[in-house]
Amino acid sequence: MASCKPSATPVDTKQKLSTSAGTPYDDPTLYRSLAGAFQYLTFTRPDISYAVQQICLHMHAPCTDHMLAL
């Protein structure tokens, strides 16, 4: 591993949704449940992993805009 060279990763590291977008969602438990179901789907659908990761960034305090994205 001492002779390995680093490689750039072609992934956008910026968040697509603002953490303060909109009003707080009424039922954060529903948001977390749906986001968890999508996380489970990534085992068989790796093509949706990036979108699910963007949604899961807001599980601690989801807003209405985050629920719309979900």
N, C-alpha and C. Protein backbone atom coordinates (compact mmCIF):
# COMPACT_ATOMS: atom_id res chain seq x y z
N MET A 1 0.80 -1.20 0.00
CA MET A 1 0.00 0.00 0.00
C MET A 1 0.85 1.28 0.00
N ALA A 2 2.14 1.13 0.27
CA ALA A 2 3.00 2.31 0.34
C ALA A 2 3.15 2.98 -1.03
N SER A 3 3.01 2.23 -2.11
CA SER A 3 3.19 2.82 -3.44
C SER A 3 1.87 3.17 -4.13
N CYS A 4 0.76 3.12 -3.42
CA CYS A 4 -0.54 3.46 -4.00
C CYS A 4 -0.67 4.96 -4.22
N LYS A 5 -1.41 5.31 -5.26
CA LYS A 5 -1.62 6.72 -5.58
C LYS A 5 -3.09 7.08 -5.30
N PRO A 6 -3.35 8.26 -4.77
CA PRO A 6 -4.74 8.66 -4.51
C PRO A 6 -5.49 8.91 -5.81
N SER A 7 -6.79 8.77 -5.74
CA SER A 7 -7.64 8.99 -6.90
C SER A 7 -8.80 9.90 -6.51
N ALA A 8 -9.14 10.80 -7.39
CA ALA A 8 -10.27 11.70 -7.11
C ALA A 8 -11.57 10.91 -7.19
N THR A 9 -12.52 11.27 -6.32
CA THR A 9 -13.82 10.61 -6.31
C THR A 9 -14.83 11.48 -7.04
N PRO A 10 -15.51 10.94 -8.02
CA PRO A 10 -16.45 11.76 -8.80
C PRO A 10 -17.81 11.90 -8.13
N VAL A 11 -17.83 12.32 -6.87
CA VAL A 11 -19.08 12.47 -6.13
C VAL A 11 -19.18 13.91 -5.65
N ASP A 12 -20.35 14.47 -5.79
CA ASP A 12 -20.60 15.82 -5.29
C ASP A 12 -20.77 15.75 -3.78
N THR A 13 -19.94 16.45 -3.04
CA THR A 13 -19.97 16.38 -1.59
C THR A 13 -20.84 17.45 -0.95
N LYS A 14 -21.48 18.28 -1.75
CA LYS A 14 -22.35 19.33 -1.22
C LYS A 14 -23.76 18.79 -1.01
N GLN A 15 -24.42 19.23 0.06
CA GLN A 15 -25.77 18.81 0.32
C GLN A 15 -26.73 19.40 -0.70
N LYS A 16 -27.72 18.63 -1.08
CA LYS A 16 -28.70 19.10 -2.05
C LYS A 16 -29.86 19.80 -1.37
N LEU A 17 -30.10 19.49 -0.11
CA LEU A 17 -31.19 20.10 0.65
C LEU A 17 -30.61 20.91 1.80
N SER A 18 -31.20 22.05 2.06
CA SER A 18 -30.75 22.88 3.16
C SER A 18 -31.22 22.29 4.48
N THR A 19 -30.41 22.43 5.52
CA THR A 19 -30.81 21.90 6.82
C THR A 19 -31.91 22.75 7.46
N SER A 20 -32.07 23.97 7.00
CA SER A 20 -33.10 24.84 7.56
C SER A 20 -34.20 25.15 6.54
N ALA A 21 -34.46 24.22 5.65
CA ALA A 21 -35.45 24.44 4.59
C ALA A 21 -36.86 24.16 5.10
N GLY A 22 -37.72 25.15 5.07
CA GLY A 22 -39.11 24.94 5.42
C GLY A 22 -39.37 24.84 6.91
N THR A 23 -40.58 24.44 7.22
CA THR A 23 -40.99 24.28 8.61
C THR A 23 -40.74 22.85 9.06
N PRO A 24 -40.57 22.63 10.36
CA PRO A 24 -40.36 21.26 10.85
C PRO A 24 -41.53 20.35 10.47
N TYR A 25 -41.20 19.13 10.10
CA TYR A 25 -42.24 18.17 9.70
C TYR A 25 -43.03 17.71 10.92
N ASP A 26 -44.33 17.52 10.73
CA ASP A 26 -45.22 17.17 11.84
C ASP A 26 -44.92 15.82 12.48
N ASP A 27 -44.56 14.83 11.66
CA ASP A 27 -44.37 13.47 12.17
C ASP A 27 -42.97 12.96 11.80
N PRO A 28 -41.94 13.33 12.58
CA PRO A 28 -40.57 12.90 12.24
C PRO A 28 -40.40 11.38 12.31
N THR A 29 -41.23 10.69 13.09
CA THR A 29 -41.14 9.23 13.16
C THR A 29 -41.49 8.59 11.83
N LEU A 30 -42.49 9.13 11.14
CA LEU A 30 -42.85 8.63 9.81
C LEU A 30 -41.70 8.86 8.83
N TYR A 31 -41.09 10.04 8.90
CA TYR A 31 -39.95 10.34 8.02
C TYR A 31 -38.82 9.34 8.24
N ARG A 32 -38.50 9.09 9.50
CA ARG A 32 -37.41 8.15 9.82
C ARG A 32 -37.75 6.74 9.38
N SER A 33 -38.99 6.35 9.53
CA SER A 33 -39.41 5.02 9.12
C SER A 33 -39.28 4.84 7.60
N LEU A 34 -39.74 5.83 6.85
CA LEU A 34 -39.64 5.75 5.39
C LEU A 34 -38.19 5.80 4.92
N ALA A 35 -37.38 6.66 5.54
CA ALA A 35 -35.97 6.74 5.18
C ALA A 35 -35.27 5.41 5.49
N GLY A 36 -35.61 4.79 6.60
CA GLY A 36 -35.04 3.48 6.93
C GLY A 36 -35.44 2.42 5.93
N ALA A 37 -36.68 2.48 5.45
CA ALA A 37 -37.11 1.52 4.42
C ALA A 37 -36.30 1.70 3.14
N PHE A 38 -36.03 2.96 2.79
CA PHE A 38 -35.20 3.22 1.61
C PHE A 38 -33.77 2.73 1.82
N GLN A 39 -33.26 2.88 3.05
CA GLN A 39 -31.92 2.37 3.34
C GLN A 39 -31.87 0.86 3.14
N TYR A 40 -32.91 0.17 3.54
CA TYR A 40 -32.98 -1.27 3.34
C TYR A 40 -32.97 -1.62 1.86
N LEU A 41 -33.63 -0.81 1.04
CA LEU A 41 -33.67 -1.06 -0.40
C LEU A 41 -32.31 -0.93 -1.07
N THR A 42 -31.40 -0.17 -0.46
CA THR A 42 -30.09 0.04 -1.09
C THR A 42 -29.26 -1.24 -1.13
N PHE A 43 -29.66 -2.27 -0.36
CA PHE A 43 -28.95 -3.55 -0.46
C PHE A 43 -29.13 -4.18 -1.83
N THR A 44 -30.32 -4.03 -2.38
CA THR A 44 -30.59 -4.61 -3.69
C THR A 44 -30.61 -3.59 -4.81
N ARG A 45 -30.64 -2.31 -4.48
CA ARG A 45 -30.66 -1.23 -5.47
C ARG A 45 -29.57 -0.22 -5.16
N PRO A 46 -28.31 -0.54 -5.42
CA PRO A 46 -27.22 0.39 -5.10
C PRO A 46 -27.27 1.69 -5.91
N ASP A 47 -28.05 1.72 -6.98
CA ASP A 47 -28.13 2.93 -7.78
C ASP A 47 -28.87 4.07 -7.06
N ILE A 48 -29.64 3.76 -6.02
CA ILE A 48 -30.34 4.81 -5.29
C ILE A 48 -29.61 5.21 -4.00
N SER A 49 -28.43 4.68 -3.78
CA SER A 49 -27.70 4.93 -2.54
C SER A 49 -27.41 6.40 -2.30
N TYR A 50 -27.03 7.13 -3.32
CA TYR A 50 -26.69 8.53 -3.14
C TYR A 50 -27.91 9.34 -2.75
N ALA A 51 -29.04 9.11 -3.40
CA ALA A 51 -30.26 9.84 -3.08
C ALA A 51 -30.72 9.52 -1.66
N VAL A 52 -30.63 8.26 -1.27
CA VAL A 52 -31.02 7.86 0.08
C VAL A 52 -30.09 8.50 1.11
N GLN A 53 -28.82 8.58 0.79
CA GLN A 53 -27.87 9.21 1.71
C GLN A 53 -28.21 10.67 1.91
N GLN A 54 -28.62 11.38 0.85
CA GLN A 54 -28.99 12.78 0.98
C GLN A 54 -30.23 12.94 1.86
N ILE A 55 -31.15 12.01 1.77
CA ILE A 55 -32.35 12.04 2.61
C ILE A 55 -32.01 11.76 4.07
N CYS A 56 -31.11 10.81 4.30
CA CYS A 56 -30.77 10.40 5.66
C CYS A 56 -29.95 11.45 6.41
N LEU A 57 -29.41 12.41 5.72
CA LEU A 57 -28.68 13.48 6.39
C LEU A 57 -29.58 14.32 7.29
N HIS A 58 -30.87 14.26 7.05
CA HIS A 58 -31.82 15.12 7.76
C HIS A 58 -32.74 14.34 8.69
N MET A 59 -32.36 13.14 9.08
CA MET A 59 -33.22 12.33 9.93
C MET A 59 -33.37 12.92 11.34
N HIS A 60 -32.40 13.68 11.80
CA HIS A 60 -32.46 14.22 13.15
C HIS A 60 -33.48 15.35 13.28
N ALA A 61 -33.72 16.11 12.22
CA ALA A 61 -34.68 17.22 12.27
C ALA A 61 -35.27 17.44 10.87
N PRO A 62 -36.17 16.57 10.42
CA PRO A 62 -36.72 16.72 9.07
C PRO A 62 -37.69 17.89 8.97
N CYS A 63 -37.66 18.53 7.81
CA CYS A 63 -38.57 19.63 7.50
C CYS A 63 -39.52 19.18 6.39
N THR A 64 -40.48 20.01 6.09
CA THR A 64 -41.46 19.65 5.06
C THR A 64 -40.80 19.46 3.70
N ASP A 65 -39.79 20.28 3.39
CA ASP A 65 -39.08 20.13 2.11
C ASP A 65 -38.34 18.78 2.04
N HIS A 66 -37.84 18.32 3.16
CA HIS A 66 -37.16 17.03 3.19
C HIS A 66 -38.15 15.90 2.94
N MET A 67 -39.34 16.02 3.51
CA MET A 67 -40.38 15.00 3.30
C MET A 67 -40.81 14.98 1.83
N LEU A 68 -40.90 16.14 1.22
CA LEU A 68 -41.23 16.19 -0.20
C LEU A 68 -40.15 15.52 -1.04
N ALA A 69 -38.90 15.69 -0.67
CA ALA A 69 -37.81 15.04 -1.39
C ALA A 69 -37.85 13.53 -1.18
N LEU A 70 -38.25 13.12 0.01
CA LEU A 70 -38.35 11.68 0.29
C LEU A 70 -39.41 11.05 -0.59
